[in-house]
Protein backbone atom coordinates (compact mmCIF):
# COMPACT_ATOMS: atom_id res chain seq x y z
CA MET A 1 0.00 0.00 0.00
CA SER A 2 1.43 3.39 -0.94
CA VAL A 3 0.83 6.65 0.88
CA VAL A 4 1.75 10.26 0.20
CA LEU A 5 4.68 11.51 2.29
CA ASP A 6 3.33 13.74 5.04
CA PRO A 7 5.59 16.82 5.52
CA GLU A 8 5.10 16.72 9.29
CA ARG A 9 6.12 13.07 9.48
CA ALA A 10 9.10 13.82 7.26
CA ALA A 11 10.16 16.52 9.73
CA ASP A 12 10.19 13.87 12.50
CA HIS A 13 13.32 12.43 10.85
CA LEU A 14 15.26 15.71 10.71
CA SER A 15 17.84 15.02 13.43
CA ARG A 16 18.52 11.49 12.23
CA LEU A 17 18.85 12.66 8.63
CA PHE A 18 21.17 15.49 9.68
CA GLY A 19 23.37 12.97 11.51
CA LEU A 20 23.55 10.85 8.38
CA ALA A 21 24.45 13.91 6.29
CA TRP A 22 27.19 14.90 8.73
CA SER A 23 28.65 11.39 8.66
CA LEU A 24 28.65 11.40 4.86
CA CYS A 25 30.31 14.78 4.36
CA GLY A 26 32.25 15.44 7.59
CA SER A 27 31.20 19.08 7.87
CA ARG A 28 28.45 20.42 10.10
CA HIS A 29 27.83 23.41 7.84
CA LEU A 30 27.67 21.32 4.66
CA ALA A 31 25.47 18.74 6.40
CA GLU A 32 22.97 21.49 7.22
CA GLU A 33 22.92 22.59 3.58
CA LEU A 34 22.56 19.05 2.26
CA THR A 35 19.77 18.23 4.72
CA GLN A 36 17.93 21.39 3.73
CA GLU A 37 18.35 20.57 0.04
CA THR A 38 17.01 17.06 0.68
CA TYR A 39 13.85 18.40 2.27
CA ALA A 40 13.45 21.00 -0.48
CA ARG A 41 13.56 18.26 -3.12
CA VAL A 42 11.28 15.88 -1.30
CA LEU A 43 8.67 18.43 -0.30
CA SER A 44 8.60 20.24 -3.66
CA ARG A 45 5.96 17.82 -4.90
CA PRO A 46 3.89 14.97 -3.45
CA ARG A 47 5.81 11.70 -3.07
CA ARG A 48 4.24 8.26 -2.93
CA LEU A 49 5.92 5.87 -0.52
CA HIS A 50 5.36 2.43 0.86
CA SER A 51 3.89 2.65 4.33
CA GLY A 52 6.52 3.18 7.04
CA SER A 53 9.44 3.88 4.72
CA GLU A 54 9.76 7.64 5.22
CA PHE A 55 13.30 7.57 6.61
CA GLN A 56 14.58 5.13 3.98
CA TYR A 57 13.21 7.39 1.25
CA LEU A 58 14.69 10.52 2.85
CA ALA A 59 18.04 8.79 3.39
CA GLN A 60 18.23 7.70 -0.25
CA THR A 61 17.31 11.19 -1.41
CA LEU A 62 20.04 12.59 0.87
CA ARG A 63 22.59 10.21 -0.64
CA ASN A 64 21.58 11.45 -4.09
CA VAL A 65 21.93 15.08 -2.94
CA VAL A 66 25.40 14.33 -1.53
CA SER A 67 26.44 12.65 -4.80
CA ASP A 68 25.13 15.61 -6.80
CA HIS A 69 27.05 17.99 -4.54
CA TRP A 70 30.38 16.18 -4.94
CA ARG A 71 29.85 15.74 -8.67
CA ALA A 72 29.15 19.47 -9.11
CA ASP A 73 32.11 20.32 -6.88
CA ARG A 74 34.46 18.29 -9.09
CA ARG A 75 33.21 20.16 -12.17
CA ARG A 76 33.78 23.60 -10.67
CA PRO A 77 37.15 25.08 -11.58
CA HIS A 78 39.31 25.51 -8.50
CA ARG A 79 41.69 28.36 -8.94
CA ALA A 80 44.49 29.60 -6.80
CA PRO A 81 43.68 32.62 -4.65
CA ASP A 82 44.41 35.99 -6.21
CA ARG A 83 47.66 37.48 -4.94
CA ASP A 84 45.81 40.73 -4.25
CA LEU A 85 43.47 38.92 -1.87
CA VAL A 86 46.15 37.04 0.08
CA ASP A 87 47.13 38.67 3.35
CA GLU A 88 50.86 39.27 3.32
CA PRO A 89 52.99 41.19 5.74
CA ALA A 90 53.49 44.82 4.70
CA THR A 91 57.26 44.24 4.49
CA ALA A 92 57.10 41.26 2.15
CA GLY A 93 58.10 43.25 -0.95
CA ASP A 94 60.73 45.46 0.77
CA PRO A 95 64.08 43.66 1.19
CA GLU A 96 65.45 46.36 3.53
CA ALA A 97 62.58 46.16 6.02
């Protein structure tokens, strides 16, 4: 029997899902973002689930969100910081100082 995911019941799994996110990414800040993205995806439209499988569905969606995040991160160009933005001592360019 399938049921529509109830947003209030989905919210009951927030702390457990956040813990899973933190264990998958290792960063509290990123885990918060990934958990939020998971709920945004899931609650954006009605989802049909098998009865009692809310956490499993949320956990799988979270894993997909984490994979999407790392995949997008690999595609982003990582460039070295601009020399103008790097904090250097005022005397770094003066050999007599």
